């Protein structure tokens, strides 16, 4: 079981990992001239799951070309 301090550290660590992954996905999408999600949201406003889905769609499209 985590102490409160350990829990906060873990939440902070996980939050940083999520933000780092979002930054990576946004960078990959921008390099492919994708600036908004399929539902017209700005990439920086999209949650991680949406960015992962958008990136997967781009990769699938590239593989099919």
PDB file of N, CA and C in Angstrom:
ATOM      1  N   UNK A   1       0.849  -1.179   0.000  1.00  0.00           N
ATOM      2  CA  UNK A   1       0.000   0.000   0.000  1.00  0.00           C
ATOM      3  C   UNK A   1       0.894   1.242   0.000  1.00  0.00           C
ATOM      4  N   UNK A   2       0.467   2.239  -0.727  1.00  0.00           N
ATOM      5  CA  UNK A   2       1.219   3.485  -0.816  1.00  0.00           C
ATOM      6  C   UNK A   2       0.896   4.415   0.341  1.00  0.00           C
ATOM      7  N   UNK A   3       1.915   5.120   0.805  1.00  0.00           N
ATOM      8  CA  UNK A   3       1.639   6.237   1.704  1.00  0.00           C
ATOM      9  C   UNK A   3       1.120   7.375   0.838  1.00  0.00           C
ATOM     10  N   UNK A   4       0.598   8.400   1.440  1.00  0.00           N
ATOM     11  CA  UNK A   4       0.071   9.541   0.679  1.00  0.00           C
ATOM     12  C   UNK A   4       1.171  10.180  -0.175  1.00  0.00           C
ATOM     13  N   UNK A   5       2.348  10.311   0.379  1.00  0.00           N
ATOM     14  CA  UNK A   5       3.471  10.897  -0.363  1.00  0.00           C
ATOM     15  C   UNK A   5       3.858  10.017  -1.544  1.00  0.00           C
ATOM     16  N   UNK A   6       3.919   8.718  -1.329  1.00  0.00           N
ATOM     17  CA  UNK A   6       4.250   7.792  -2.414  1.00  0.00           C
ATOM     18  C   UNK A   6       3.180   7.820  -3.503  1.00  0.00           C
ATOM     19  N   UNK A   7       1.929   7.895  -3.091  1.00  0.00           N
ATOM     20  CA  UNK A   7       0.829   7.946  -4.046  1.00  0.00           C
ATOM     21  C   UNK A   7       0.935   9.196  -4.911  1.00  0.00           C
ATOM     22  N   UNK A   8       1.215  10.326  -4.285  1.00  0.00           N
ATOM     23  CA  UNK A   8       1.368  11.579  -5.034  1.00  0.00           C
ATOM     24  C   UNK A   8       2.531  11.507  -6.015  1.00  0.00           C
ATOM     25  N   UNK A   9       3.629  10.914  -5.580  1.00  0.00           N
ATOM     26  CA  UNK A   9       4.785  10.761  -6.467  1.00  0.00           C
ATOM     27  C   UNK A   9       4.437   9.879  -7.661  1.00  0.00           C
ATOM     28  N   UNK A  10       3.718   8.800  -7.388  1.00  0.00           N
ATOM     29  CA  UNK A  10       3.341   7.885  -8.462  1.00  0.00           C
ATOM     30  C   UNK A  10       2.379   8.553  -9.441  1.00  0.00           C
ATOM     31  N   UNK A  11       1.424   9.295  -8.936  1.00  0.00           N
ATOM     32  CA  UNK A  11       0.494  10.024  -9.802  1.00  0.00           C
ATOM     33  C   UNK A  11       1.261  11.035 -10.648  1.00  0.00           C
ATOM     34  N   UNK A  12       2.187  11.724 -10.040  1.00  0.00           N
ATOM     35  CA  UNK A  12       3.004  12.695 -10.763  1.00  0.00           C
ATOM     36  C   UNK A  12       3.839  12.014 -11.845  1.00  0.00           C
ATOM     37  N   UNK A  13       4.421  10.891 -11.512  1.00  0.00           N
ATOM     38  CA  UNK A  13       5.243  10.142 -12.468  1.00  0.00           C
ATOM     39  C   UNK A  13       4.399   9.678 -13.654  1.00  0.00           C
ATOM     40  N   UNK A  14       3.226   9.129 -13.369  1.00  0.00           N
ATOM     41  CA  UNK A  14       2.347   8.652 -14.436  1.00  0.00           C
ATOM     42  C   UNK A  14       1.847   9.801 -15.302  1.00  0.00           C
ATOM     43  N   UNK A  15       1.550  10.908 -14.669  1.00  0.00           N
ATOM     44  CA  UNK A  15       1.094  12.083 -15.409  1.00  0.00           C
ATOM     45  C   UNK A  15       2.171  12.562 -16.378  1.00  0.00           C
ATOM     46  N   UNK A  16       3.409  12.555 -15.930  1.00  0.00           N
ATOM     47  CA  UNK A  16       4.523  12.959 -16.797  1.00  0.00           C
ATOM     48  C   UNK A  16       4.690  11.997 -17.967  1.00  0.00           C
ATOM     49  N   UNK A  17       4.504  10.706 -17.711  1.00  0.00           N
ATOM     50  CA  UNK A  17       4.597   9.720 -18.786  1.00  0.00           C
ATOM     51  C   UNK A  17       3.503   9.935 -19.829  1.00  0.00           C
ATOM     52  N   UNK A  18       2.299  10.219 -19.373  1.00  0.00           N
ATOM     53  CA  UNK A  18       1.185  10.477 -20.287  1.00  0.00           C
ATOM     54  C   UNK A  18       1.483  11.708 -21.129  1.00  0.00           C
ATOM     55  N   UNK A  19       1.938  12.771 -20.500  1.00  0.00           N
ATOM     56  CA  UNK A  19       2.245  14.005 -21.231  1.00  0.00           C
ATOM     57  C   UNK A  19       3.369  13.794 -22.234  1.00  0.00           C
ATOM     58  N   UNK A  20       4.368  13.014 -21.866  1.00  0.00           N
ATOM     59  CA  UNK A  20       5.477  12.732 -22.774  1.00  0.00           C
ATOM     60  C   UNK A  20       4.979  11.953 -23.993  1.00  0.00           C
ATOM     61  N   UNK A  21       4.118  10.971 -23.761  1.00  0.00           N
ATOM     62  CA  UNK A  21       3.567  10.190 -24.871  1.00  0.00           C
ATOM     63  C   UNK A  21       2.696  11.065 -25.773  1.00  0.00           C
ATOM     64  N   UNK A  22       1.894  11.939 -25.166  1.00  0.00           N
ATOM     65  CA  UNK A  22       1.074  12.856 -25.959  1.00  0.00           C
ATOM     66  C   UNK A  22       1.955  13.738 -26.836  1.00  0.00           C
ATOM     67  N   UNK A  23       3.038  14.251 -26.279  1.00  0.00           N
ATOM     68  CA  UNK A  23       3.964  15.090 -27.047  1.00  0.00           C
ATOM     69  C   UNK A  23       4.556  14.318 -28.223  1.00  0.00           C
ATOM     70  N   UNK A  24       4.920  13.056 -27.991  1.00  0.00           N
ATOM     71  CA  UNK A  24       5.477  12.232 -29.067  1.00  0.00           C
ATOM     72  C   UNK A  24       4.458  12.036 -30.186  1.00  0.00           C
ATOM     73  N   UNK A  25       3.230  11.713 -29.811  1.00  0.00           N
ATOM     74  CA  UNK A  25       2.196  11.476 -30.815  1.00  0.00           C
ATOM     75  C   UNK A  25       1.868  12.747 -31.586  1.00  0.00           C
ATOM     76  N   UNK A  26       1.780  13.860 -30.880  1.00  0.00           N
ATOM     77  CA  UNK A  26       1.500  15.136 -31.539  1.00  0.00           C
ATOM     78  C   UNK A  26       2.609  15.456 -32.535  1.00  0.00           C
ATOM     79  N   UNK A  27       3.841  15.249 -32.135  1.00  0.00           N
ATOM     80  CA  UNK A  27       4.973  15.502 -33.032  1.00  0.00           C
ATOM     81  C   UNK A  27       4.882  14.625 -34.281  1.00  0.00           C
ATOM     82  N   UNK A  28       4.567  13.346 -34.108  1.00  0.00           N
ATOM     83  CA  UNK A  28       4.425  12.436 -35.247  1.00  0.00           C
ATOM     84  C   UNK A  28       3.293  12.878 -36.172  1.00  0.00           C
ATOM     85  N   UNK A  29       2.174  13.289 -35.598  1.00  0.00           N
ATOM     86  CA  UNK A  29       1.040  13.730 -36.411  1.00  0.00           C
ATOM     87  C   UNK A  29       1.365  15.025 -37.149  1.00  0.00           C
ATOM     88  N   UNK A  30       2.010  15.957 -36.471  1.00  0.00           N
ATOM     89  CA  UNK A  30       2.370  17.222 -37.112  1.00  0.00           C
ATOM     90  C   UNK A  30       3.339  16.995 -38.275  1.00  0.00           C
ATOM     91  N   UNK A  31       4.264  16.052 -38.113  1.00  0.00           N
ATOM     92  CA  UNK A  31       5.205  15.751 -39.194  1.00  0.00           C
ATOM     93  C   UNK A  31       4.479  15.203 -40.422  1.00  0.00           C
ATOM     94  N   UNK A  32       3.277  14.688 -40.208  1.00  0.00           N
ATOM     95  CA  UNK A  32       2.475  14.154 -41.316  1.00  0.00           C
ATOM     96  C   UNK A  32       1.388  15.145 -41.752  1.00  0.00           C
ATOM     97  N   UNK A  33       1.559  16.397 -41.343  1.00  0.00           N
ATOM     98  CA  UNK A  33       0.618  17.473 -41.692  1.00  0.00           C
ATOM     99  C   UNK A  33      -0.793  17.237 -41.162  1.00  0.00           C
ATOM    100  N   UNK A  34      -0.894  16.581 -40.013  1.00  0.00           N
ATOM    101  CA  UNK A  34      -2.178  16.405 -39.330  1.00  0.00           C
ATOM    102  C   UNK A  34      -2.192  17.422 -38.192  1.00  0.00           C
ATOM    103  N   UNK A  35      -3.171  18.329 -38.223  1.00  0.00           N
ATOM    104  CA  UNK A  35      -3.217  19.404 -37.238  1.00  0.00           C
ATOM    105  C   UNK A  35      -4.432  19.338 -36.323  1.00  0.00           C
ATOM    106  N   UNK A  36      -5.412  18.529 -36.711  1.00  0.00           N
ATOM    107  CA  UNK A  36      -6.615  18.367 -35.895  1.00  0.00           C
ATOM    108  C   UNK A  36      -7.012  16.900 -35.898  1.00  0.00           C
ATOM    109  N   UNK A  37      -7.816  16.522 -34.903  1.00  0.00           N
ATOM    110  CA  UNK A  37      -8.327  15.163 -34.841  1.00  0.00           C
ATOM    111  C   UNK A  37      -9.464  15.008 -35.848  1.00  0.00           C
ATOM    112  N   UNK A  38      -9.932  13.802 -36.011  1.00  0.00           N
ATOM    113  CA  UNK A  38     -11.030  13.525 -36.944  1.00  0.00           C
ATOM    114  C   UNK A  38     -12.281  14.323 -36.616  1.00  0.00           C
ATOM    115  N   UNK A  39     -12.470  14.618 -35.337  1.00  0.00           N
ATOM    116  CA  UNK A  39     -13.644  15.407 -34.932  1.00  0.00           C
ATOM    117  C   UNK A  39     -13.318  16.896 -34.798  1.00  0.00           C
ATOM    118  N   UNK A  40     -12.232  17.321 -35.478  1.00  0.00           N
ATOM    119  CA  UNK A  40     -11.861  18.735 -35.596  1.00  0.00           C
ATOM    120  C   UNK A  40     -11.360  19.390 -34.305  1.00  0.00           C
ATOM    121  N   UNK A  41     -10.890  18.603 -33.352  1.00  0.00           N
ATOM    122  CA  UNK A  41     -10.283  19.172 -32.148  1.00  0.00           C
ATOM    123  C   UNK A  41      -8.800  19.406 -32.418  1.00  0.00           C
ATOM    124  N   UNK A  42      -8.261  20.414 -31.780  1.00  0.00           N
ATOM    125  CA  UNK A  42      -6.824  20.649 -31.877  1.00  0.00           C
ATOM    126  C   UNK A  42      -6.093  19.507 -31.182  1.00  0.00           C
ATOM    127  N   UNK A  43      -4.973  19.119 -31.731  1.00  0.00           N
ATOM    128  CA  UNK A  43      -4.219  18.002 -31.165  1.00  0.00           C
ATOM    129  C   UNK A  43      -3.869  18.232 -29.702  1.00  0.00           C
ATOM    130  N   UNK A  44      -3.517  19.463 -29.368  1.00  0.00           N
ATOM    131  CA  UNK A  44      -3.091  19.750 -27.997  1.00  0.00           C
ATOM    132  C   UNK A  44      -4.237  19.656 -26.994  1.00  0.00           C
ATOM    133  N   UNK A  45      -5.481  19.671 -27.475  1.00  0.00           N
ATOM    134  CA  UNK A  45      -6.645  19.556 -26.596  1.00  0.00           C
ATOM    135  C   UNK A  45      -7.144  18.121 -26.477  1.00  0.00           C
ATOM    136  N   UNK A  46      -6.603  17.230 -27.280  1.00  0.00           N
ATOM    137  CA  UNK A  46      -7.091  15.853 -27.320  1.00  0.00           C
ATOM    138  C   UNK A  46      -6.472  15.009 -26.209  1.00  0.00           C
ATOM    139  N   UNK A  47      -7.252  14.083 -25.660  1.00  0.00           N
ATOM    140  CA  UNK A  47      -6.693  13.159 -24.667  1.00  0.00           C
ATOM    141  C   UNK A  47      -5.786  12.124 -25.338  1.00  0.00           C
ATOM    142  N   UNK A  48      -5.001  11.457 -24.541  1.00  0.00           N
ATOM    143  CA  UNK A  48      -4.034  10.484 -25.046  1.00  0.00           C
ATOM    144  C   UNK A  48      -4.700   9.425 -25.915  1.00  0.00           C
ATOM    145  N   UNK A  49      -5.792   8.864 -25.475  1.00  0.00           N
ATOM    146  CA  UNK A  49      -6.465   7.797 -26.225  1.00  0.00           C
ATOM    147  C   UNK A  49      -6.848   8.270 -27.626  1.00  0.00           C
ATOM    148  N   UNK A  50      -7.341   9.482 -27.743  1.00  0.00           N
ATOM    149  CA  UNK A  50      -7.709  10.034 -29.048  1.00  0.00           C
ATOM    150  C   UNK A  50      -6.483  10.180 -29.934  1.00  0.00           C
ATOM    151  N   UNK A  51      -5.400  10.678 -29.366  1.00  0.00           N
ATOM    152  CA  UNK A  51      -4.161  10.825 -30.141  1.00  0.00           C
ATOM    153  C   UNK A  51      -3.641   9.471 -30.614  1.00  0.00           C
ATOM    154  N   UNK A  52      -3.722   8.474 -29.744  1.00  0.00           N
ATOM    155  CA  UNK A  52      -3.288   7.131 -30.138  1.00  0.00           C
ATOM    156  C   UNK A  52      -4.142   6.604 -31.285  1.00  0.00           C
ATOM    157  N   UNK A  53      -5.447   6.820 -31.208  1.00  0.00           N
ATOM    158  CA  UNK A  53      -6.342   6.369 -32.275  1.00  0.00           C
ATOM    159  C   UNK A  53      -6.054   7.094 -33.584  1.00  0.00           C
ATOM    160  N   UNK A  54      -5.843   8.399 -33.513  1.00  0.00           N
ATOM    161  CA  UNK A  54      -5.541   9.178 -34.718  1.00  0.00           C
ATOM    162  C   UNK A  54      -4.239   8.697 -35.355  1.00  0.00           C
ATOM    163  N   UNK A  55      -3.247   8.446 -34.541  1.00  0.00           N
ATOM    164  CA  UNK A  55      -1.958   7.989 -35.058  1.00  0.00           C
ATOM    165  C   UNK A  55      -2.097   6.606 -35.692  1.00  0.00           C
ATOM    166  N   UNK A  56      -2.861   5.730 -35.056  1.00  0.00           N
ATOM    167  CA  UNK A  56      -3.107   4.404 -35.611  1.00  0.00           C
ATOM    168  C   UNK A  56      -3.784   4.507 -36.977  1.00  0.00           C
ATOM    169  N   UNK A  57      -4.769   5.396 -37.098  1.00  0.00           N
ATOM    170  CA  UNK A  57      -5.459   5.591 -38.374  1.00  0.00           C
ATOM    171  C   UNK A  57      -4.495   6.066 -39.463  1.00  0.00           C
ATOM    172  N   UNK A  58      -3.609   6.980 -39.100  1.00  0.00           N
ATOM    173  CA  UNK A  58      -2.622   7.489 -40.061  1.00  0.00           C
ATOM    174  C   UNK A  58      -1.696   6.361 -40.510  1.00  0.00           C
ATOM    175  N   UNK A  59      -1.237   5.552 -39.559  1.00  0.00           N
ATOM    176  CA  UNK A  59      -0.345   4.444 -39.915  1.00  0.00           C
ATOM    177  C   UNK A  59      -1.055   3.435 -40.811  1.00  0.00           C
ATOM    178  N   UNK A  60      -2.323   3.156 -40.516  1.00  0.00           N
ATOM    179  CA  UNK A  60      -3.088   2.226 -41.346  1.00  0.00           C
ATOM    180  C   UNK A  60      -3.260   2.779 -42.756  1.00  0.00           C
ATOM    181  N   UNK A  61      -3.517   4.070 -42.851  1.00  0.00           N
ATOM    182  CA  UNK A  61      -3.675   4.706 -44.160  1.00  0.00           C
ATOM    183  C   UNK A  61      -2.365   4.645 -44.942  1.00  0.00           C
ATOM    184  N   UNK A  62      -1.257   4.934 -44.266  1.00  0.00           N
ATOM    185  CA  UNK A  62       0.052   4.882 -44.923  1.00  0.00           C
ATOM    186  C   UNK A  62       0.371   3.467 -45.405  1.00  0.00           C
ATOM    187  N   UNK A  63       0.009   2.477 -44.613  1.00  0.00           N
ATOM    188  CA  UNK A  63       0.288   1.087 -44.981  1.00  0.00           C
ATOM    189  C   UNK A  63      -0.540   0.656 -46.186  1.00  0.00           C
ATOM    190  N   UNK A  64      -1.720   1.258 -46.335  1.00  0.00           N
ATOM    191  CA  UNK A  64      -2.593   0.895 -47.439  1.00  0.00           C
ATOM    192  C   UNK A  64      -2.276   1.593 -48.741  1.00  0.00           C
ATOM    193  N   UNK A  65      -1.416   2.574 -48.699  1.00  0.00           N
ATOM    194  CA  UNK A  65      -1.088   3.336 -49.923  1.00  0.00           C
ATOM    195  C   UNK A  65      -0.055   2.642 -50.764  1.00  0.00           C
TER     196      UNK A  65
END
